[in-house]
Amino acid sequence: NELHVSDAAKAVAFYQHLFDWNIVQESNDSY
């Protein structure tokens, strides 16, 4: 599964808090 969004940083903050996921930035536009 993957998420396509216009503001990745905002999405990362939401899902980290909601699901305790470990989200790692791989490039400017990919996590």
PDB file of all heavy atoms in Angstrom:
ATOM      1  N   ASN A   1       0.855  -1.193   0.000  1.00  0.00           N
ATOM      2  CA  ASN A   1       0.000   0.000   0.000  1.00  0.00           C
ATOM      3  C   ASN A   1       0.882   1.231   0.000  1.00  0.00           C
ATOM      4  O   ASN A   1       1.979   1.226   0.581  1.00  0.00           O
ATOM      5  CB  ASN A   1      -0.908   0.024   1.237  1.00  0.00           C
ATOM      6  CG  ASN A   1      -1.815  -1.176   1.327  1.00  0.00           C
ATOM      7  OD1 ASN A   1      -1.357  -2.280   1.628  1.00  0.00           O
ATOM      8  ND2 ASN A   1      -3.096  -0.988   1.078  1.00  0.00           N
ATOM      9  N   GLU A   2       0.409   2.290  -0.638  1.00  0.00           N
ATOM     10  CA  GLU A   2       1.155   3.540  -0.584  1.00  0.00           C
ATOM     11  C   GLU A   2       0.202   4.727  -0.625  1.00  0.00           C
ATOM     12  O   GLU A   2      -0.907   4.636  -1.151  1.00  0.00           O
ATOM     13  CB  GLU A   2       2.183   3.633  -1.703  1.00  0.00           C
ATOM     14  CG  GLU A   2       1.657   3.561  -3.104  1.00  0.00           C
ATOM     15  CD  GLU A   2       2.790   3.486  -4.124  1.00  0.00           C
ATOM     16  OE1 GLU A   2       3.638   2.580  -4.014  1.00  0.00           O
ATOM     17  OE2 GLU A   2       2.817   4.334  -5.034  1.00  0.00           O
ATOM     18  N   LEU A   3       0.664   5.818  -0.035  1.00  0.00           N
ATOM     19  CA  LEU A   3      -0.137   7.029   0.099  1.00  0.00           C
ATOM     20  C   LEU A   3       0.399   8.095  -0.850  1.00  0.00           C
ATOM     21  O   LEU A   3       1.591   8.397  -0.838  1.00  0.00           O
ATOM     22  CB  LEU A   3      -0.074   7.526   1.543  1.00  0.00           C
ATOM     23  CG  LEU A   3      -0.817   8.815   1.878  1.00  0.00           C
ATOM     24  CD1 LEU A   3      -2.315   8.675   1.655  1.00  0.00           C
ATOM     25  CD2 LEU A   3      -0.537   9.224   3.337  1.00  0.00           C
ATOM     26  N   HIS A   4      -0.491   8.668  -1.659  1.00  0.00           N
ATOM     27  CA  HIS A   4      -0.133   9.754  -2.562  1.00  0.00           C
ATOM     28  C   HIS A   4      -0.783  11.038  -2.050  1.00  0.00           C
ATOM     29  O   HIS A   4      -2.014  11.142  -2.008  1.00  0.00           O
ATOM     30  CB  HIS A   4      -0.626   9.458  -3.980  1.00  0.00           C
ATOM     31  CG  HIS A   4       0.060   8.305  -4.621  1.00  0.00           C
ATOM     32  ND1 HIS A   4      -0.186   7.916  -5.923  1.00  0.00           N
ATOM     33  CD2 HIS A   4       0.999   7.444  -4.158  1.00  0.00           C
ATOM     34  CE1 HIS A   4       0.575   6.867  -6.221  1.00  0.00           C
ATOM     35  NE2 HIS A   4       1.290   6.553  -5.166  1.00  0.00           N
ATOM     36  N   VAL A   5       0.036  11.991  -1.654  1.00  0.00           N
ATOM     37  CA  VAL A   5      -0.473  13.225  -1.050  1.00  0.00           C
ATOM     38  C   VAL A   5       0.293  14.434  -1.554  1.00  0.00           C
ATOM     39  O   VAL A   5       1.390  14.313  -2.097  1.00  0.00           O
ATOM     40  CB  VAL A   5      -0.380  13.175   0.500  1.00  0.00           C
ATOM     41  CG1 VAL A   5      -1.381  12.208   1.081  1.00  0.00           C
ATOM     42  CG2 VAL A   5       1.032  12.824   0.946  1.00  0.00           C
ATOM     43  N   SER A   6      -0.276  15.601  -1.334  1.00  0.00           N
ATOM     44  CA  SER A   6       0.360  16.847  -1.759  1.00  0.00           C
ATOM     45  C   SER A   6       1.276  17.431  -0.681  1.00  0.00           C
ATOM     46  O   SER A   6       2.079  18.315  -0.967  1.00  0.00           O
ATOM     47  CB  SER A   6      -0.711  17.884  -2.134  1.00  0.00           C
ATOM     48  OG  SER A   6      -1.620  18.054  -1.060  1.00  0.00           O
ATOM     49  N   ASP A   7       1.155  16.943   0.561  1.00  0.00           N
ATOM     50  CA  ASP A   7       1.979  17.430   1.673  1.00  0.00           C
ATOM     51  C   ASP A   7       2.396  16.236   2.527  1.00  0.00           C
ATOM     52  O   ASP A   7       1.709  15.855   3.470  1.00  0.00           O
ATOM     53  CB  ASP A   7       1.201  18.450   2.497  1.00  0.00           C
ATOM     54  CG  ASP A   7       2.050  19.139   3.568  1.00  0.00           C
ATOM     55  OD1 ASP A   7       3.121  18.610   3.914  1.00  0.00           O
ATOM     56  OD2 ASP A   7       1.626  20.194   4.072  1.00  0.00           O
ATOM     57  N   ALA A   8       3.523  15.630   2.183  1.00  0.00           N
ATOM     58  CA  ALA A   8       3.961  14.405   2.853  1.00  0.00           C
ATOM     59  C   ALA A   8       4.289  14.639   4.331  1.00  0.00           C
ATOM     60  O   ALA A   8       3.984  13.800   5.185  1.00  0.00           O
ATOM     61  CB  ALA A   8       5.164  13.806   2.138  1.00  0.00           C
ATOM     62  N   ALA A   9       4.907  15.755   4.651  1.00  0.00           N
ATOM     63  CA  ALA A   9       5.300  16.021   6.037  1.00  0.00           C
ATOM     64  C   ALA A   9       4.079  16.045   6.959  1.00  0.00           C
ATOM     65  O   ALA A   9       4.119  15.528   8.078  1.00  0.00           O
ATOM     66  CB  ALA A   9       6.065  17.342   6.124  1.00  0.00           C
ATOM     67  N   LYS A  10       3.000  16.628   6.492  1.00  0.00           N
ATOM     68  CA  LYS A  10       1.769  16.676   7.276  1.00  0.00           C
ATOM     69  C   LYS A  10       1.195  15.278   7.463  1.00  0.00           C
ATOM     70  O   LYS A  10       0.735  14.922   8.554  1.00  0.00           O
ATOM     71  CB  LYS A  10       0.749  17.583   6.592  1.00  0.00           C
ATOM     72  CG  LYS A  10      -0.503  17.850   7.419  1.00  0.00           C
ATOM     73  CD  LYS A  10      -1.402  18.866   6.726  1.00  0.00           C
ATOM     74  CE  LYS A  10      -2.623  19.187   7.576  1.00  0.00           C
ATOM     75  NZ  LYS A  10      -3.509  20.197   6.919  1.00  0.00           N
ATOM     76  N   ALA A  11       1.234  14.478   6.411  1.00  0.00           N
ATOM     77  CA  ALA A  11       0.738  13.101   6.494  1.00  0.00           C
ATOM     78  C   ALA A  11       1.591  12.275   7.452  1.00  0.00           C
ATOM     79  O   ALA A  11       1.070  11.493   8.252  1.00  0.00           O
ATOM     80  CB  ALA A  11       0.732  12.471   5.111  1.00  0.00           C
ATOM     81  N   VAL A  12       2.891  12.430   7.370  1.00  0.00           N
ATOM     82  CA  VAL A  12       3.803  11.679   8.243  1.00  0.00           C
ATOM     83  C   VAL A  12       3.497  11.942   9.705  1.00  0.00           C
ATOM     84  O   VAL A  12       3.414  11.015  10.517  1.00  0.00           O
ATOM     85  CB  VAL A  12       5.269  12.036   7.921  1.00  0.00           C
ATOM     86  CG1 VAL A  12       6.200  11.535   9.017  1.00  0.00           C
ATOM     87  CG2 VAL A  12       5.677  11.446   6.578  1.00  0.00           C
ATOM     88  N   ALA A  13       3.323  13.200  10.061  1.00  0.00           N
ATOM     89  CA  ALA A  13       3.034  13.552  11.456  1.00  0.00           C
ATOM     90  C   ALA A  13       1.750  12.888  11.937  1.00  0.00           C
ATOM     91  O   ALA A  13       1.674  12.366  13.055  1.00  0.00           O
ATOM     92  CB  ALA A  13       2.938  15.066  11.596  1.00  0.00           C
ATOM     93  N   PHE A  14       0.726  12.884  11.089  1.00  0.00           N
ATOM     94  CA  PHE A  14      -0.562  12.285  11.465  1.00  0.00           C
ATOM     95  C   PHE A  14      -0.429  10.786  11.704  1.00  0.00           C
ATOM     96  O   PHE A  14      -0.843  10.270  12.753  1.00  0.00           O
ATOM     97  CB  PHE A  14      -1.586  12.546  10.361  1.00  0.00           C
ATOM     98  CG  PHE A  14      -2.899  11.846  10.561  1.00  0.00           C
ATOM     99  CD1 PHE A  14      -3.867  12.377  11.399  1.00  0.00           C
ATOM    100  CD2 PHE A  14      -3.165  10.641   9.922  1.00  0.00           C
ATOM    101  CE1 PHE A  14      -5.078  11.723  11.603  1.00  0.00           C
ATOM    102  CE2 PHE A  14      -4.378   9.979  10.110  1.00  0.00           C
ATOM    103  CZ  PHE A  14      -5.328  10.522  10.958  1.00  0.00           C
ATOM    104  N   TYR A  15       0.162  10.063  10.759  1.00  0.00           N
ATOM    105  CA  TYR A  15       0.211   8.604  10.868  1.00  0.00           C
ATOM    106  C   TYR A  15       1.196   8.123  11.932  1.00  0.00           C
ATOM    107  O   TYR A  15       0.979   7.079  12.555  1.00  0.00           O
ATOM    108  CB  TYR A  15       0.531   7.995   9.504  1.00  0.00           C
ATOM    109  CG  TYR A  15      -0.638   8.100   8.550  1.00  0.00           C
ATOM    110  CD1 TYR A  15      -0.663   9.079   7.555  1.00  0.00           C
ATOM    111  CD2 TYR A  15      -1.732   7.255   8.659  1.00  0.00           C
ATOM    112  CE1 TYR A  15      -1.745   9.194   6.684  1.00  0.00           C
ATOM    113  CE2 TYR A  15      -2.817   7.360   7.796  1.00  0.00           C
ATOM    114  CZ  TYR A  15      -2.824   8.330   6.815  1.00  0.00           C
ATOM    115  OH  TYR A  15      -3.901   8.448   5.966  1.00  0.00           O
ATOM    116  N   GLN A  16       2.260   8.874  12.165  1.00  0.00           N
ATOM    117  CA  GLN A  16       3.169   8.510  13.246  1.00  0.00           C
ATOM    118  C   GLN A  16       2.446   8.535  14.590  1.00  0.00           C
ATOM    119  O   GLN A  16       2.620   7.628  15.416  1.00  0.00           O
ATOM    120  CB  GLN A  16       4.369   9.470  13.277  1.00  0.00           C
ATOM    121  CG  GLN A  16       5.434   9.159  12.255  1.00  0.00           C
ATOM    122  CD  GLN A  16       6.591  10.130  12.309  1.00  0.00           C
ATOM    123  OE1 GLN A  16       6.409  11.328  12.585  1.00  0.00           O
ATOM    124  NE2 GLN A  16       7.787   9.650  12.033  1.00  0.00           N
ATOM    125  N   HIS A  17       1.647   9.555  14.808  1.00  0.00           N
ATOM    126  CA  HIS A  17       0.920   9.674  16.069  1.00  0.00           C
ATOM    127  C   HIS A  17      -0.229   8.667  16.172  1.00  0.00           C
ATOM    128  O   HIS A  17      -0.487   8.117  17.243  1.00  0.00           O
ATOM    129  CB  HIS A  17       0.380  11.099  16.237  1.00  0.00           C
ATOM    130  CG  HIS A  17       1.417  12.099  16.625  1.00  0.00           C
ATOM    131  ND1 HIS A  17       2.117  12.833  15.698  1.00  0.00           N
ATOM    132  CD2 HIS A  17       1.890  12.477  17.838  1.00  0.00           C
ATOM    133  CE1 HIS A  17       2.967  13.627  16.325  1.00  0.00           C
ATOM    134  NE2 HIS A  17       2.859  13.432  17.619  1.00  0.00           N
ATOM    135  N   LEU A  18      -0.909   8.408  15.059  1.00  0.00           N
ATOM    136  CA  LEU A  18      -2.082   7.548  15.116  1.00  0.00           C
ATOM    137  C   LEU A  18      -1.709   6.075  15.260  1.00  0.00           C
ATOM    138  O   LEU A  18      -2.304   5.350  16.069  1.00  0.00           O
ATOM    139  CB  LEU A  18      -2.943   7.729  13.859  1.00  0.00           C
ATOM    140  CG  LEU A  18      -4.247   6.931  13.830  1.00  0.00           C
ATOM    141  CD1 LEU A  18      -5.167   7.315  14.997  1.00  0.00           C
ATOM    142  CD2 LEU A  18      -4.980   7.140  12.498  1.00  0.00           C
ATOM    143  N   PHE A  19      -0.726   5.607  14.495  1.00  0.00           N
ATOM    144  CA  PHE A  19      -0.414   4.174  14.460  1.00  0.00           C
ATOM    145  C   PHE A  19       0.950   3.814  15.042  1.00  0.00           C
ATOM    146  O   PHE A  19       1.342   2.644  15.014  1.00  0.00           O
ATOM    147  CB  PHE A  19      -0.482   3.669  13.015  1.00  0.00           C
ATOM    148  CG  PHE A  19      -1.865   3.713  12.415  1.00  0.00           C
ATOM    149  CD1 PHE A  19      -2.100   4.414  11.226  1.00  0.00           C
ATOM    150  CD2 PHE A  19      -2.933   3.075  13.020  1.00  0.00           C
ATOM    151  CE1 PHE A  19      -3.366   4.452  10.663  1.00  0.00           C
ATOM    152  CE2 PHE A  19      -4.206   3.113  12.470  1.00  0.00           C
ATOM    153  CZ  PHE A  19      -4.423   3.803  11.294  1.00  0.00           C
ATOM    154  N   ASP A  20       1.681   4.810  15.547  1.00  0.00           N
ATOM    155  CA  ASP A  20       3.033   4.562  16.064  1.00  0.00           C
ATOM    156  C   ASP A  20       3.940   3.951  15.011  1.00  0.00           C
ATOM    157  O   ASP A  20       4.823   3.140  15.318  1.00  0.00           O
ATOM    158  CB  ASP A  20       2.986   3.652  17.306  1.00  0.00           C
ATOM    159  CG  ASP A  20       2.337   4.319  18.503  1.00  0.00           C
ATOM    160  OD1 ASP A  20       2.511   5.539  18.651  1.00  0.00           O
ATOM    161  OD2 ASP A  20       1.655   3.627  19.269  1.00  0.00           O
ATOM    162  N   TRP A  21       3.723   4.319  13.757  1.00  0.00           N
ATOM    163  CA  TRP A  21       4.588   3.829  12.693  1.00  0.00           C
ATOM    164  C   TRP A  21       5.948   4.516  12.762  1.00  0.00           C
ATOM    165  O   TRP A  21       6.069   5.675  13.161  1.00  0.00           O
ATOM    166  CB  TRP A  21       3.972   4.125  11.332  1.00  0.00           C
ATOM    167  CG  TRP A  21       2.811   3.243  10.967  1.00  0.00           C
ATOM    168  CD1 TRP A  21       2.468   2.050  11.520  1.00  0.00           C
ATOM    169  CD2 TRP A  21       1.844   3.506   9.937  1.00  0.00           C
ATOM    170  NE1 TRP A  21       1.360   1.533  10.905  1.00  0.00           N
ATOM    171  CE2 TRP A  21       0.945   2.403   9.926  1.00  0.00           C
ATOM    172  CE3 TRP A  21       1.649   4.539   9.021  1.00  0.00           C
ATOM    173  CZ2 TRP A  21      -0.122   2.319   9.044  1.00  0.00           C
ATOM    174  CZ3 TRP A  21       0.589   4.462   8.143  1.00  0.00           C
ATOM    175  CH2 TRP A  21      -0.290   3.354   8.153  1.00  0.00           C
ATOM    176  N   ASN A  22       6.962   3.796  12.351  1.00  0.00           N
ATOM    177  CA  ASN A  22       8.289   4.372  12.176  1.00  0.00           C
ATOM    178  C   ASN A  22       8.399   4.779  10.713  1.00  0.00           C
ATOM    179  O   ASN A  22       8.431   3.922   9.829  1.00  0.00           O
ATOM    180  CB  ASN A  22       9.363   3.333  12.534  1.00  0.00           C
ATOM    181  CG  ASN A  22      10.773   3.872  12.325  1.00  0.00           C
ATOM    182  OD1 ASN A  22      10.992   5.091  12.325  1.00  0.00           O
ATOM    183  ND2 ASN A  22      11.719   2.976  12.124  1.00  0.00           N
ATOM    184  N   ILE A  23       8.418   6.069  10.456  1.00  0.00           N
ATOM    185  CA  ILE A  23       8.406   6.573   9.078  1.00  0.00           C
ATOM    186  C   ILE A  23       9.732   7.266   8.795  1.00  0.00           C
ATOM    187  O   ILE A  23      10.111   8.214   9.481  1.00  0.00           O
ATOM    188  CB  ILE A  23       7.225   7.536   8.851  1.00  0.00           C
ATOM    189  CG1 ILE A  23       5.897   6.815   9.181  1.00  0.00           C
ATOM    190  CG2 ILE A  23       7.215   8.041   7.415  1.00  0.00           C
ATOM    191  CD1 ILE A  23       4.666   7.683   9.023  1.00  0.00           C
ATOM    192  N   VAL A  24      10.439   6.757   7.775  1.00  0.00           N
ATOM    193  CA  VAL A  24      11.790   7.211   7.472  1.00  0.00           C
ATOM    194  C   VAL A  24      11.811   7.907   6.116  1.00  0.00           C
ATOM    195  O   VAL A  24      11.349   7.359   5.115  1.00  0.00           O
ATOM    196  CB  VAL A  24      12.769   6.016   7.441  1.00  0.00           C
ATOM    197  CG1 VAL A  24      14.172   6.479   7.099  1.00  0.00           C
ATOM    198  CG2 VAL A  24      12.748   5.281   8.784  1.00  0.00           C
ATOM    199  N   GLN A  25      12.360   9.117   6.086  1.00  0.00           N
ATOM    200  CA  GLN A  25      12.449   9.851   4.824  1.00  0.00           C
ATOM    201  C   GLN A  25      13.545   9.255   3.960  1.00  0.00           C
ATOM    202  O   GLN A  25      14.685   9.075   4.398  1.00  0.00           O
ATOM    203  CB  GLN A  25      12.720  11.327   5.074  1.00  0.00           C
ATOM    204  CG  GLN A  25      12.666  12.172   3.807  1.00  0.00           C
ATOM    205  CD  GLN A  25      12.651  13.666   4.091  1.00  0.00           C
ATOM    206  OE1 GLN A  25      12.793  14.093   5.228  1.00  0.00           O
ATOM    207  NE2 GLN A  25      12.463  14.471   3.052  1.00  0.00           N
ATOM    208  N   GLU A  26      13.218   8.937   2.699  1.00  0.00           N
ATOM    209  CA  GLU A  26      14.188   8.346   1.774  1.00  0.00           C
ATOM    210  C   GLU A  26      14.682   9.347   0.743  1.00  0.00           C
ATOM    211  O   GLU A  26      15.781   9.222   0.230  1.00  0.00           O
ATOM    212  CB  GLU A  26      13.559   7.144   1.066  1.00  0.00           C
ATOM    213  CG  GLU A  26      13.215   5.992   2.016  1.00  0.00           C
ATOM    214  CD  GLU A  26      12.725   4.766   1.277  1.00  0.00           C
ATOM    215  OE1 GLU A  26      11.901   4.916   0.350  1.00  0.00           O
ATOM    216  OE2 GLU A  26      13.181   3.664   1.617  1.00  0.00           O
ATOM    217  N   SER A  27      13.838  10.335   0.424  1.00  0.00           N
ATOM    218  CA  SER A  27      14.217  11.394  -0.507  1.00  0.00           C
ATOM    219  C   SER A  27      13.369  12.617  -0.188  1.00  0.00           C
ATOM    220  O   SER A  27      12.618  12.616   0.800  1.00  0.00           O
ATOM    221  CB  SER A  27      13.999  10.946  -1.957  1.00  0.00           C
ATOM    222  OG  SER A  27      12.614  10.793  -2.221  1.00  0.00           O
ATOM    223  N   ASN A  28      13.462  13.651  -1.004  1.00  0.00           N
ATOM    224  CA  ASN A  28      12.685  14.863  -0.746  1.00  0.00           C
ATOM    225  C   ASN A  28      11.187  14.607  -0.752  1.00  0.00           C
ATOM    226  O   ASN A  28      10.428  15.299  -0.074  1.00  0.00           O
ATOM    227  CB  ASN A  28      13.020  15.934  -1.783  1.00  0.00           C
ATOM    228  CG  ASN A  28      14.406  16.519  -1.578  1.00  0.00           C
ATOM    229  OD1 ASN A  28      14.950  16.466  -0.471  1.00  0.00           O
ATOM    230  ND2 ASN A  28      14.977  17.067  -2.641  1.00  0.00           N
ATOM    231  N   ASP A  29      10.739  13.615  -1.527  1.00  0.00           N
ATOM    232  CA  ASP A  29       9.305  13.395  -1.677  1.00  0.00           C
ATOM    233  C   ASP A  29       8.887  11.950  -1.414  1.00  0.00           C
ATOM    234  O   ASP A  29       7.813  11.516  -1.815  1.00  0.00           O
ATOM    235  CB  ASP A  29       8.846  13.807  -3.076  1.00  0.00           C
ATOM    236  CG  ASP A  29       9.639  13.099  -4.175  1.00  0.00           C
ATOM    237  OD1 ASP A  29      10.448  12.203  -3.859  1.00  0.00           O
ATOM    238  OD2 ASP A  29       9.442  13.450  -5.351  1.00  0.00           O
ATOM    239  N   SER A  30       9.723  11.190  -0.703  1.00  0.00           N
ATOM    240  CA  SER A  30       9.425   9.774  -0.475  1.00  0.00           C
ATOM    241  C   SER A  30       9.758   9.365   0.948  1.00  0.00           C
ATOM    242  O   SER A  30      10.834   9.699   1.465  1.00  0.00           O
ATOM    243  CB  SER A  30      10.218   8.918  -1.464  1.00  0.00           C
ATOM    244  OG  SER A  30      10.062   7.551  -1.179  1.00  0.00           O
ATOM    245  N   TYR A  31       8.826   8.617   1.566  1.00  0.00           N
ATOM    246  CA  TYR A  31       9.002   8.124   2.926  1.00  0.00           C
ATOM    247  C   TYR A  31       8.661   6.637   2.980  1.00  0.00           C
ATOM    248  O   TYR A  31       7.685   6.196   2.351  1.00  0.00           O
ATOM    249  CB  TYR A  31       8.086   8.867   3.905  1.00  0.00           C
ATOM    250  CG  TYR A  31       8.380  10.340   4.051  1.00  0.00           C
ATOM    251  CD1 TYR A  31       7.974  11.250   3.069  1.00  0.00           C
ATOM    252  CD2 TYR A  31       9.046  10.838   5.162  1.00  0.00           C
ATOM    253  CE1 TYR A  31       8.240  12.603   3.192  1.00  0.00           C
ATOM    254  CE2 TYR A  31       9.310  12.196   5.300  1.00  0.00           C
ATOM    255  CZ  TYR A  31       8.896  13.076   4.308  1.00  0.00           C
ATOM    256  OH  TYR A  31       9.153  14.416   4.439  1.00  0.00           O
TER     257      TYR A  31
END
